[in-house]
N, C-alpha and C. Protein backbone atom coordinates (compact mmCIF):
# COMPACT_ATOMS: atom_id res chain seq x y z
N MET A 1 17.24 76.28 164.55
CA MET A 1 16.63 77.69 164.64
C MET A 1 16.93 78.49 163.50
N ALA A 2 15.94 79.10 162.77
CA ALA A 2 15.94 79.67 161.59
C ALA A 2 16.28 81.19 161.91
N THR A 3 17.14 81.85 161.08
CA THR A 3 17.15 83.17 161.14
C THR A 3 16.66 83.79 159.76
N TYR A 4 15.95 84.83 160.03
CA TYR A 4 15.49 85.61 158.77
C TYR A 4 16.01 87.10 158.54
N LEU A 5 16.30 87.33 157.43
CA LEU A 5 16.83 88.71 157.09
C LEU A 5 15.56 89.40 156.60
N PRO A 6 15.63 90.84 156.81
CA PRO A 6 14.83 91.43 156.36
C PRO A 6 14.72 91.47 154.69
N THR A 7 13.32 91.71 154.29
CA THR A 7 13.28 91.67 152.88
C THR A 7 14.14 92.56 151.83
N GLY A 8 14.56 93.84 152.53
CA GLY A 8 15.25 94.82 151.76
C GLY A 8 16.60 94.26 151.57
N THR A 9 17.16 93.54 152.65
CA THR A 9 18.56 93.11 152.60
C THR A 9 18.69 91.91 151.74
N VAL A 10 17.50 91.07 151.67
CA VAL A 10 17.39 89.89 150.79
C VAL A 10 17.55 90.40 149.38
N LYS A 11 16.77 91.49 148.94
CA LYS A 11 16.74 91.90 147.58
C LYS A 11 18.02 92.40 147.23
N ALA A 12 18.63 93.21 148.24
CA ALA A 12 19.97 93.63 147.83
C ALA A 12 21.06 92.61 147.62
N LEU A 13 20.99 91.60 148.43
CA LEU A 13 21.99 90.56 148.18
C LEU A 13 21.59 89.64 146.93
N GLU A 14 20.31 89.52 146.42
CA GLU A 14 20.05 89.00 145.06
C GLU A 14 20.50 89.89 143.91
N LYS A 15 20.59 91.29 144.25
CA LYS A 15 21.14 92.13 143.25
C LYS A 15 22.64 92.00 142.87
N VAL A 16 23.26 91.90 144.29
CA VAL A 16 24.72 91.68 144.21
C VAL A 16 24.97 90.31 143.72
N ARG A 17 24.16 89.17 143.78
CA ARG A 17 24.55 87.90 143.28
C ARG A 17 24.17 88.10 141.69
N ASN A 18 23.25 88.58 141.32
CA ASN A 18 22.91 88.69 139.81
C ASN A 18 24.16 89.57 139.07
N ALA A 19 24.47 90.59 139.96
CA ALA A 19 25.73 91.39 139.24
C ALA A 19 26.93 90.65 139.08
N LEU A 20 27.09 89.66 140.15
CA LEU A 20 28.32 88.78 139.92
C LEU A 20 28.18 87.63 138.96
N TYR A 21 26.95 87.16 138.88
CA TYR A 21 26.75 86.28 137.89
C TYR A 21 26.86 86.81 136.41
N SER A 22 26.45 87.96 136.18
CA SER A 22 26.66 88.61 134.94
C SER A 22 28.07 88.86 134.49
N ILE A 23 29.01 88.87 135.23
CA ILE A 23 30.33 89.15 135.06
C ILE A 23 30.99 87.65 135.17
N GLY A 24 30.20 86.60 135.34
CA GLY A 24 30.99 85.22 135.27
C GLY A 24 31.24 84.82 136.55
N LEU A 25 31.25 85.28 137.69
CA LEU A 25 31.50 84.84 138.91
C LEU A 25 30.44 84.11 139.80
N ARG A 26 30.70 82.95 139.95
CA ARG A 26 29.76 82.10 140.90
C ARG A 26 30.28 81.44 142.04
N GLU A 27 29.43 80.88 142.71
CA GLU A 27 30.12 80.13 143.78
C GLU A 27 30.99 79.04 143.53
N PRO A 28 31.96 78.72 144.10
CA PRO A 28 33.04 77.82 143.73
C PRO A 28 32.46 76.35 143.68
N TRP A 29 31.66 76.09 144.62
CA TRP A 29 31.15 74.71 144.48
C TRP A 29 29.99 74.45 143.44
N LYS A 30 29.70 75.55 142.78
CA LYS A 30 28.67 75.34 141.71
C LYS A 30 29.52 75.14 140.31
N VAL A 31 30.75 75.57 140.38
CA VAL A 31 31.56 75.66 139.15
C VAL A 31 32.42 74.50 139.04
N THR A 32 32.26 73.67 137.83
CA THR A 32 32.99 72.38 137.59
C THR A 32 33.61 72.59 136.22
N GLY A 33 34.39 71.69 135.72
CA GLY A 33 35.03 71.57 134.59
C GLY A 33 36.51 72.12 134.28
N SER A 34 37.07 71.94 133.26
CA SER A 34 38.34 72.13 133.03
C SER A 34 38.81 73.66 133.23
N TRP A 35 37.76 74.46 132.76
CA TRP A 35 38.11 76.08 132.95
C TRP A 35 38.14 76.46 134.29
N THR A 36 38.05 75.60 135.38
CA THR A 36 38.22 76.08 136.81
C THR A 36 39.64 76.15 137.17
N VAL A 37 40.32 75.39 136.31
CA VAL A 37 41.74 75.27 136.78
C VAL A 37 42.42 76.67 136.35
N PRO A 38 43.26 77.31 137.24
CA PRO A 38 43.83 78.52 137.06
C PRO A 38 44.69 78.77 135.68
N ASP A 39 45.17 77.52 135.19
CA ASP A 39 46.14 77.74 133.88
C ASP A 39 45.30 77.55 132.76
N TYR A 40 43.96 77.52 132.87
CA TYR A 40 43.00 77.39 131.90
C TYR A 40 43.04 78.37 130.89
N LEU A 41 43.16 78.48 129.67
CA LEU A 41 42.91 79.60 128.62
C LEU A 41 42.13 79.17 127.66
N HIS A 42 41.07 80.06 127.34
CA HIS A 42 40.08 80.00 126.30
C HIS A 42 40.72 79.58 125.01
N TYR A 43 40.20 78.30 124.43
CA TYR A 43 40.99 77.91 123.28
C TYR A 43 40.20 78.55 122.10
N MET A 44 38.89 79.20 122.25
CA MET A 44 38.32 79.74 121.02
C MET A 44 38.49 81.11 121.07
N PRO A 45 39.35 81.63 119.96
CA PRO A 45 39.40 83.12 119.80
C PRO A 45 38.38 83.83 119.57
N ASP A 46 38.55 85.31 119.62
CA ASP A 46 37.50 86.09 119.01
C ASP A 46 37.55 86.06 117.77
N GLY A 47 36.50 86.59 117.21
CA GLY A 47 36.31 86.79 115.93
C GLY A 47 37.27 87.81 115.17
N THR A 48 37.71 88.73 115.89
CA THR A 48 38.79 89.78 115.47
C THR A 48 40.21 89.30 115.40
N GLN A 49 40.28 88.04 116.22
CA GLN A 49 41.67 87.33 116.32
C GLN A 49 41.98 86.38 115.08
N TYR A 50 41.04 85.77 114.74
CA TYR A 50 41.29 84.66 113.55
C TYR A 50 41.03 85.44 112.19
N ARG A 51 40.17 86.32 112.30
CA ARG A 51 39.82 86.87 110.98
C ARG A 51 39.94 88.51 110.93
N LYS A 52 40.77 89.15 110.59
CA LYS A 52 41.05 90.50 110.79
C LYS A 52 40.13 91.25 109.93
N VAL A 53 39.95 90.87 108.74
CA VAL A 53 39.08 91.44 107.79
C VAL A 53 38.31 90.44 106.93
N SER A 54 37.12 90.90 106.45
CA SER A 54 36.47 90.00 105.74
C SER A 54 36.98 89.78 104.23
N PRO A 55 36.69 88.71 103.68
CA PRO A 55 37.37 88.28 102.33
C PRO A 55 37.05 89.43 101.39
N GLY A 56 35.80 89.96 101.36
CA GLY A 56 35.40 90.85 100.39
C GLY A 56 36.04 92.27 100.55
N SER A 57 36.61 92.55 101.73
CA SER A 57 37.25 93.87 101.71
C SER A 57 38.60 93.83 102.24
N GLN A 58 39.46 93.25 101.39
CA GLN A 58 40.96 93.24 101.89
C GLN A 58 41.72 94.35 101.66
N PRO A 59 42.38 94.81 102.57
CA PRO A 59 43.06 96.14 102.47
C PRO A 59 44.47 95.97 101.59
N ILE A 60 44.87 95.04 101.43
CA ILE A 60 46.12 94.78 100.48
C ILE A 60 45.73 94.32 98.88
N LYS A 61 46.09 94.78 98.23
CA LYS A 61 46.02 94.60 96.70
C LYS A 61 46.73 93.37 96.33
N ALA A 62 46.09 92.38 95.54
CA ALA A 62 46.89 91.30 95.09
C ALA A 62 48.08 91.80 94.14
N ILE A 63 49.07 90.91 94.16
CA ILE A 63 50.30 91.27 93.38
C ILE A 63 50.35 90.31 92.33
N ILE A 64 50.19 90.94 91.11
CA ILE A 64 49.93 90.11 89.91
C ILE A 64 51.40 90.19 89.07
N PRO A 65 51.85 88.92 89.15
CA PRO A 65 53.24 88.74 88.26
C PRO A 65 53.20 89.18 86.75
N HIS A 66 53.89 89.90 86.31
CA HIS A 66 53.91 90.32 84.80
C HIS A 66 55.39 89.65 84.36
N ASP A 67 55.33 88.65 83.60
CA ASP A 67 56.40 87.78 83.06
C ASP A 67 56.26 87.87 81.56
N HIS A 68 57.35 87.46 81.08
CA HIS A 68 57.43 87.21 79.51
C HIS A 68 56.30 85.91 79.25
N ALA A 69 55.85 86.22 78.22
CA ALA A 69 54.65 85.10 77.78
C ALA A 69 55.05 83.63 77.66
N SER A 70 56.37 83.67 77.16
CA SER A 70 56.89 82.21 76.97
C SER A 70 57.26 81.61 78.14
N LEU A 71 57.30 82.37 79.25
CA LEU A 71 57.75 81.73 80.62
C LEU A 71 56.54 81.46 81.65
N VAL A 72 55.22 82.09 81.05
CA VAL A 72 54.05 81.72 81.87
C VAL A 72 53.47 80.52 81.38
N TYR A 73 53.09 79.65 82.39
CA TYR A 73 52.50 78.34 82.14
C TYR A 73 51.08 78.52 81.76
N ASP A 74 50.70 78.05 80.47
CA ASP A 74 49.26 78.28 79.91
C ASP A 74 48.35 77.03 80.55
N ILE A 75 47.32 77.39 81.18
CA ILE A 75 46.60 76.21 81.83
C ILE A 75 45.42 75.69 80.90
N LYS A 76 45.31 76.43 79.68
CA LYS A 76 44.27 75.96 78.67
C LYS A 76 44.82 74.56 78.13
N TYR A 77 43.71 73.96 77.89
CA TYR A 77 44.04 72.45 77.43
C TYR A 77 44.41 72.31 75.88
N HIS A 78 43.80 73.07 75.11
CA HIS A 78 43.97 72.96 73.60
C HIS A 78 45.39 73.28 73.18
N PRO A 79 46.28 74.34 73.67
CA PRO A 79 47.75 74.39 73.34
C PRO A 79 48.45 73.27 73.65
N ARG A 80 48.23 72.34 74.62
CA ARG A 80 48.90 71.28 75.02
C ARG A 80 48.46 70.01 74.36
N ASP A 81 47.43 70.01 73.66
CA ASP A 81 46.69 68.71 73.26
C ASP A 81 47.40 68.39 71.94
N PHE A 82 48.48 67.55 72.03
CA PHE A 82 49.30 67.39 70.94
C PHE A 82 48.58 66.15 69.88
N ARG A 83 47.74 65.59 70.34
CA ARG A 83 46.84 64.87 69.43
C ARG A 83 46.17 65.50 68.35
N ARG A 84 45.61 66.81 68.66
CA ARG A 84 44.90 67.47 67.66
C ARG A 84 45.95 68.67 67.19
N ASN A 85 46.99 68.76 67.81
CA ASN A 85 47.76 69.92 67.33
C ASN A 85 49.21 69.43 66.78
N ASN A 86 49.12 68.64 65.92
CA ASN A 86 50.32 68.25 65.29
C ASN A 86 50.35 68.24 63.77
N LYS A 87 51.75 68.03 63.38
CA LYS A 87 51.77 68.07 61.91
C LYS A 87 52.02 66.46 61.38
N PHE A 88 51.22 66.03 60.63
CA PHE A 88 51.37 64.70 60.09
C PHE A 88 52.39 64.70 59.02
N THR A 89 53.21 63.79 59.09
CA THR A 89 54.32 63.46 58.16
C THR A 89 53.89 62.27 57.30
N ALA A 90 54.23 62.24 56.15
CA ALA A 90 53.89 60.97 55.27
C ALA A 90 54.89 60.04 55.89
N ARG A 91 54.30 58.75 55.85
CA ARG A 91 55.27 57.64 56.32
C ARG A 91 56.15 57.03 55.15
N THR A 92 57.26 56.95 55.30
CA THR A 92 58.30 56.26 54.22
C THR A 92 58.42 54.96 54.48
N LEU A 93 58.45 54.21 53.42
CA LEU A 93 58.76 52.60 53.54
C LEU A 93 60.10 52.43 53.04
N ASP A 94 60.83 51.68 53.74
CA ASP A 94 62.15 51.21 53.22
C ASP A 94 61.86 49.91 52.59
N THR A 95 62.16 50.18 51.22
CA THR A 95 61.92 49.03 50.37
C THR A 95 62.94 48.10 49.90
N LYS A 96 64.31 48.58 50.40
CA LYS A 96 65.40 47.47 50.23
C LYS A 96 65.41 46.38 51.09
N PRO A 97 65.64 45.23 50.52
CA PRO A 97 65.72 44.03 51.60
C PRO A 97 66.68 44.16 52.72
N TYR A 98 66.39 43.71 53.73
CA TYR A 98 67.27 43.49 55.02
C TYR A 98 68.34 42.45 54.74
N ASP A 99 69.49 42.75 55.14
CA ASP A 99 70.63 41.93 54.92
C ASP A 99 70.89 40.97 56.13
N PHE A 100 70.24 39.82 56.33
CA PHE A 100 70.36 38.99 57.49
C PHE A 100 71.77 38.31 57.52
N ASP A 101 72.23 37.97 56.46
CA ASP A 101 73.51 37.40 56.41
C ASP A 101 74.60 38.14 57.09
N LYS A 102 74.51 39.61 56.90
CA LYS A 102 75.44 40.54 57.45
C LYS A 102 75.20 40.68 58.97
N MET A 103 73.81 40.53 59.42
CA MET A 103 73.55 40.45 60.80
C MET A 103 74.01 39.19 61.69
N PHE A 104 73.76 38.02 60.95
CA PHE A 104 74.40 36.85 61.56
C PHE A 104 75.70 36.61 61.41
N ALA A 105 76.43 37.28 60.86
CA ALA A 105 77.86 37.08 60.45
C ALA A 105 78.59 37.68 61.88
N SER A 106 78.13 38.74 62.43
CA SER A 106 78.60 39.34 63.52
C SER A 106 78.11 38.71 64.81
N ALA A 107 77.06 37.87 64.89
CA ALA A 107 76.40 37.25 66.09
C ALA A 107 77.39 36.08 66.55
N PRO A 108 77.60 35.97 67.85
CA PRO A 108 78.33 34.71 68.18
C PRO A 108 77.23 33.62 68.28
N LEU A 109 77.69 32.64 67.64
CA LEU A 109 76.95 31.40 67.38
C LEU A 109 77.34 30.16 68.13
N THR A 110 78.44 30.09 68.47
CA THR A 110 78.91 29.02 69.38
C THR A 110 79.14 29.53 70.82
N PRO A 111 79.07 28.25 71.63
CA PRO A 111 79.36 28.55 73.33
C PRO A 111 80.68 29.14 73.45
N SER A 112 81.67 28.73 72.49
CA SER A 112 83.04 29.16 72.95
C SER A 112 83.12 30.85 72.40
N GLN A 113 82.21 31.29 71.60
CA GLN A 113 82.28 32.60 71.27
C GLN A 113 81.52 33.60 72.30
N LEU A 114 80.83 32.89 73.05
CA LEU A 114 79.92 33.76 74.07
C LEU A 114 80.79 34.15 75.21
N LYS A 115 80.56 35.31 75.71
CA LYS A 115 81.37 35.96 76.73
C LYS A 115 80.95 35.24 78.14
N LEU A 116 81.70 34.90 79.02
CA LEU A 116 81.36 34.08 80.07
C LEU A 116 81.24 35.21 81.48
N VAL A 117 80.25 35.36 82.04
CA VAL A 117 79.87 36.25 83.06
C VAL A 117 80.03 35.43 84.56
N GLU A 118 80.78 35.86 85.39
CA GLU A 118 81.02 35.03 86.60
C GLU A 118 79.75 35.66 87.48
N ARG A 119 79.06 34.62 88.20
CA ARG A 119 78.25 34.92 89.18
C ARG A 119 78.90 35.68 90.57
N PRO A 120 78.46 36.71 91.04
CA PRO A 120 79.06 37.38 92.14
C PRO A 120 78.86 36.24 93.41
N GLY A 121 79.61 36.31 94.34
CA GLY A 121 79.50 35.57 95.55
C GLY A 121 78.26 35.81 96.42
N LEU A 122 77.99 37.12 96.43
CA LEU A 122 76.73 37.57 97.16
C LEU A 122 75.41 37.50 96.80
N MET A 123 75.47 37.03 95.22
CA MET A 123 74.23 36.98 94.54
C MET A 123 73.45 35.81 95.06
N PRO A 124 72.02 35.92 95.56
CA PRO A 124 71.48 34.70 95.86
C PRO A 124 71.22 33.74 94.77
N THR A 125 71.24 32.30 94.98
CA THR A 125 70.95 31.51 93.94
C THR A 125 69.59 30.75 93.74
N ARG A 126 68.80 31.21 94.69
CA ARG A 126 67.43 30.71 94.68
C ARG A 126 67.33 29.25 94.58
N GLY A 127 68.29 28.48 95.19
CA GLY A 127 68.35 27.10 95.24
C GLY A 127 68.78 26.31 93.93
N TYR A 128 69.27 27.06 92.91
CA TYR A 128 69.84 26.32 91.70
C TYR A 128 71.28 26.26 91.90
């Protein structure tokens, strides 16, 4: 048995339904998803929350450090290029002959003159 409402009442109910839809209220059986949970918070912030002012209109002026010139690192390449920014000195040759007899006189030549170094017990032997 079908019951019919007058057309004026139907139109008034449609207006109420559209008003509720416009503010985000819908029938609970038509609403699905994670945002139906009461603990759900919208994860997307408003534009005013994550960007207070635009980059071109910053209200705070930049703080420019004023330091002694020798303490400021220079980012230019040519002051740090030592290959092109050096003073060449003339090479001097040592013309006197090297005394090999003096060098070999202080060198230990026999096994008895060599210092014996004991191998620690914890050192791995690698099978030798």
